[in-house]
Every structure is written in structure tokens, then in C-alpha cells.
């Protein structure tokens, strides 16, 4: 196999070979999230999360959508979760389960505002 043919595969595995990116993907298992929620759930700075999301976006794993001031990310290649889960099983770690999106009544994003208004 020529090096050119392995480039997309190498890109995929490089994107997955980082603990913060794996944590971001686990956060996105429950569905689309804005950066503010990823930041709150993982405890990383917004700039750091954005850098890691850029790598995942360039690898074609996630896509973003802007809604006013907020940027929402979603996984566009859900089969990546199967790959991650199999890798975890291979090293003796239980696969992650999808967590429902986190909503905060103090957050100004439209999704949280809608939830806060319903309560």
C-alpha cells in the first residue's frame, strides 16, 4: 500500500490519539453541544477545546454550525464511536455510554435558554 493511500487512515488515528479529543467525542455522544458546554463538562479552556475541535473537524469526524454567538458541534461520522469502543475493550476499558446534553439555566446559549424558560 502506498503512503498516499494511508493518509486518511493516518489522519483519523492521529485525531483520535489524544485524550482531550477522546473526551470531547465522548461528550458529543449524547448529541450536538456548544463549546460552552464542552468547556464546562471537561474543565478545559475554550481556546484549547477549539484547537482540539479543529483537529477533529479537519479529520472529518465533527462538523460545526453557528447560531449567533454560539458554535455547536456534532459528530458526522458516528461509526467513530464503534472504533473507540472496540479500542477501549482491547485495552480492558469499558466503553463510554451516551450522556444527555448538559443544560444550564445560567448559560445564555439558545438551547439552555429554551430549557430554562420551560422550567
Protein backbone atom coordinates (compact mmCIF):
# COMPACT_ATOMS: atom_id res chain seq x y z
CA UNK A 1 0.00 0.00 0.00
CA UNK A 2 1.35 3.39 -0.97
CA UNK A 3 1.75 6.17 1.60
CA UNK A 4 -0.84 8.32 -0.21
CA UNK A 5 -3.50 5.65 0.31
CA UNK A 6 -2.92 5.51 4.07
CA UNK A 7 -3.06 9.28 4.60
CA UNK A 8 -6.80 9.44 5.52
CA UNK A 9 -6.37 6.49 7.88
CA UNK A 10 -3.32 8.08 9.48
CA UNK A 11 -5.21 11.36 9.85
CA UNK A 12 -8.09 9.55 11.55
CA UNK A 13 -5.89 7.73 14.05
CA UNK A 14 -3.84 10.85 14.78
CA UNK A 15 -7.05 12.74 15.52
CA UNK A 16 -8.16 10.00 17.91
CA UNK A 17 -4.77 9.67 19.61
CA UNK A 18 -5.29 12.49 22.10
CA UNK A 19 -7.05 12.28 25.47
CA UNK A 20 -8.79 15.66 25.15
CA UNK A 21 -10.18 14.79 21.72
CA UNK A 22 -11.47 11.44 23.01
CA UNK A 23 -13.12 13.27 25.92
CA UNK A 24 -14.71 15.75 23.50
CA UNK A 25 -16.07 12.90 21.39
CA UNK A 26 -17.45 11.21 24.49
CA UNK A 27 -19.19 14.49 25.35
CA UNK A 28 -20.70 14.58 21.86
CA UNK A 29 -22.09 11.02 22.15
CA UNK A 30 -25.31 12.48 23.56
CA UNK A 31 -25.76 14.82 20.61
CA UNK A 32 -24.85 18.31 19.47
CA UNK A 33 -23.21 20.57 22.04
CA UNK A 34 -21.98 24.15 22.08
CA UNK A 35 -18.40 24.90 23.03
CA UNK A 36 -19.51 26.42 26.35
CA UNK A 37 -20.95 23.07 27.42
CA UNK A 38 -17.91 21.09 26.33
CA UNK A 39 -15.80 23.56 28.30
CA UNK A 40 -18.00 23.18 31.41
CA UNK A 41 -18.09 19.39 31.24
CA UNK A 42 -14.37 18.86 30.63
CA UNK A 43 -12.86 21.79 32.51
CA UNK A 44 -10.55 22.85 29.67
CA UNK A 45 -10.18 26.44 28.47
CA UNK A 46 -12.29 27.45 25.48
CA UNK A 47 -9.24 28.11 23.28
CA UNK A 48 -7.83 24.64 23.99
CA UNK A 49 -11.17 22.98 23.21
CA UNK A 50 -11.41 24.95 19.97
CA UNK A 51 -7.94 23.76 18.94
CA UNK A 52 -8.90 20.15 19.56
CA UNK A 53 -12.22 20.55 17.76
CA UNK A 54 -10.35 21.96 14.75
CA UNK A 55 -8.31 18.74 14.53
CA UNK A 56 -11.49 16.64 14.73
CA UNK A 57 -13.15 18.84 12.10
CA UNK A 58 -10.16 18.58 9.75
CA UNK A 59 -10.27 14.79 10.13
CA UNK A 60 -13.93 14.86 9.04
CA UNK A 61 -15.23 13.50 12.36
CA UNK A 62 -17.17 16.55 13.57
CA UNK A 63 -18.91 19.48 11.94
CA UNK A 64 -19.92 22.81 13.35
CA UNK A 65 -22.87 25.14 13.00
CA UNK A 66 -23.01 28.74 14.12
CA UNK A 67 -26.11 30.14 15.79
CA UNK A 68 -25.45 33.77 16.67
CA UNK A 69 -22.57 33.87 19.14
CA UNK A 70 -22.68 30.13 19.75
CA UNK A 71 -20.97 27.40 17.77
CA UNK A 72 -22.44 23.92 18.03
CA UNK A 73 -20.51 20.75 17.24
CA UNK A 74 -21.84 17.35 16.27
CA UNK A 75 -20.29 14.07 15.21
CA UNK A 76 -20.83 13.46 11.49
CA UNK A 77 -19.14 10.05 11.47
CA UNK A 78 -20.90 8.16 14.30
CA UNK A 79 -19.05 4.97 13.40
CA UNK A 80 -16.09 6.56 15.17
CA UNK A 81 -17.79 5.60 18.45
CA UNK A 82 -17.65 1.91 17.46
CA UNK A 83 -13.95 2.27 16.69
CA UNK A 84 -13.26 3.96 20.03
CA UNK A 85 -15.35 1.42 21.94
CA UNK A 86 -13.53 -1.52 20.34
CA UNK A 87 -10.17 0.07 21.12
CA UNK A 88 -11.25 0.54 24.74
CA UNK A 89 -12.31 -3.09 25.01
CA UNK A 90 -8.97 -4.19 23.55
CA UNK A 91 -7.14 -2.48 26.42
CA UNK A 92 -9.60 -3.54 29.10
CA UNK A 93 -11.59 -0.30 29.48
CA UNK A 94 -15.37 -0.31 29.44
CA UNK A 95 -16.89 1.71 26.60
CA UNK A 96 -18.49 5.06 27.41
CA UNK A 97 -22.23 5.49 27.24
CA UNK A 98 -24.02 8.47 25.75
CA UNK A 99 -24.74 11.18 28.28
CA UNK A 100 -27.64 13.56 27.78
CA UNK A 101 -26.60 17.08 26.82
CA UNK A 102 -25.87 19.32 29.79
CA UNK A 103 -28.10 22.39 30.09
CA UNK A 104 -27.54 25.27 32.48
CA UNK A 105 -30.11 27.92 33.40
CA UNK A 106 -27.22 30.42 33.68
CA UNK A 107 -25.95 29.83 30.14
CA UNK A 108 -27.07 32.36 27.51
CA UNK A 109 -27.00 29.92 24.57
CA UNK A 110 -30.38 29.37 22.86
CA UNK A 111 -30.64 25.71 23.86
CA UNK A 112 -30.17 26.44 27.56
CA UNK A 113 -32.40 29.48 27.41
CA UNK A 114 -35.18 27.33 25.94
CA UNK A 115 -34.79 24.76 28.73
CA UNK A 116 -34.71 27.47 31.41
CA UNK A 117 -37.89 29.02 30.05
CA UNK A 118 -39.71 25.66 30.21
CA UNK A 119 -38.86 25.16 33.90
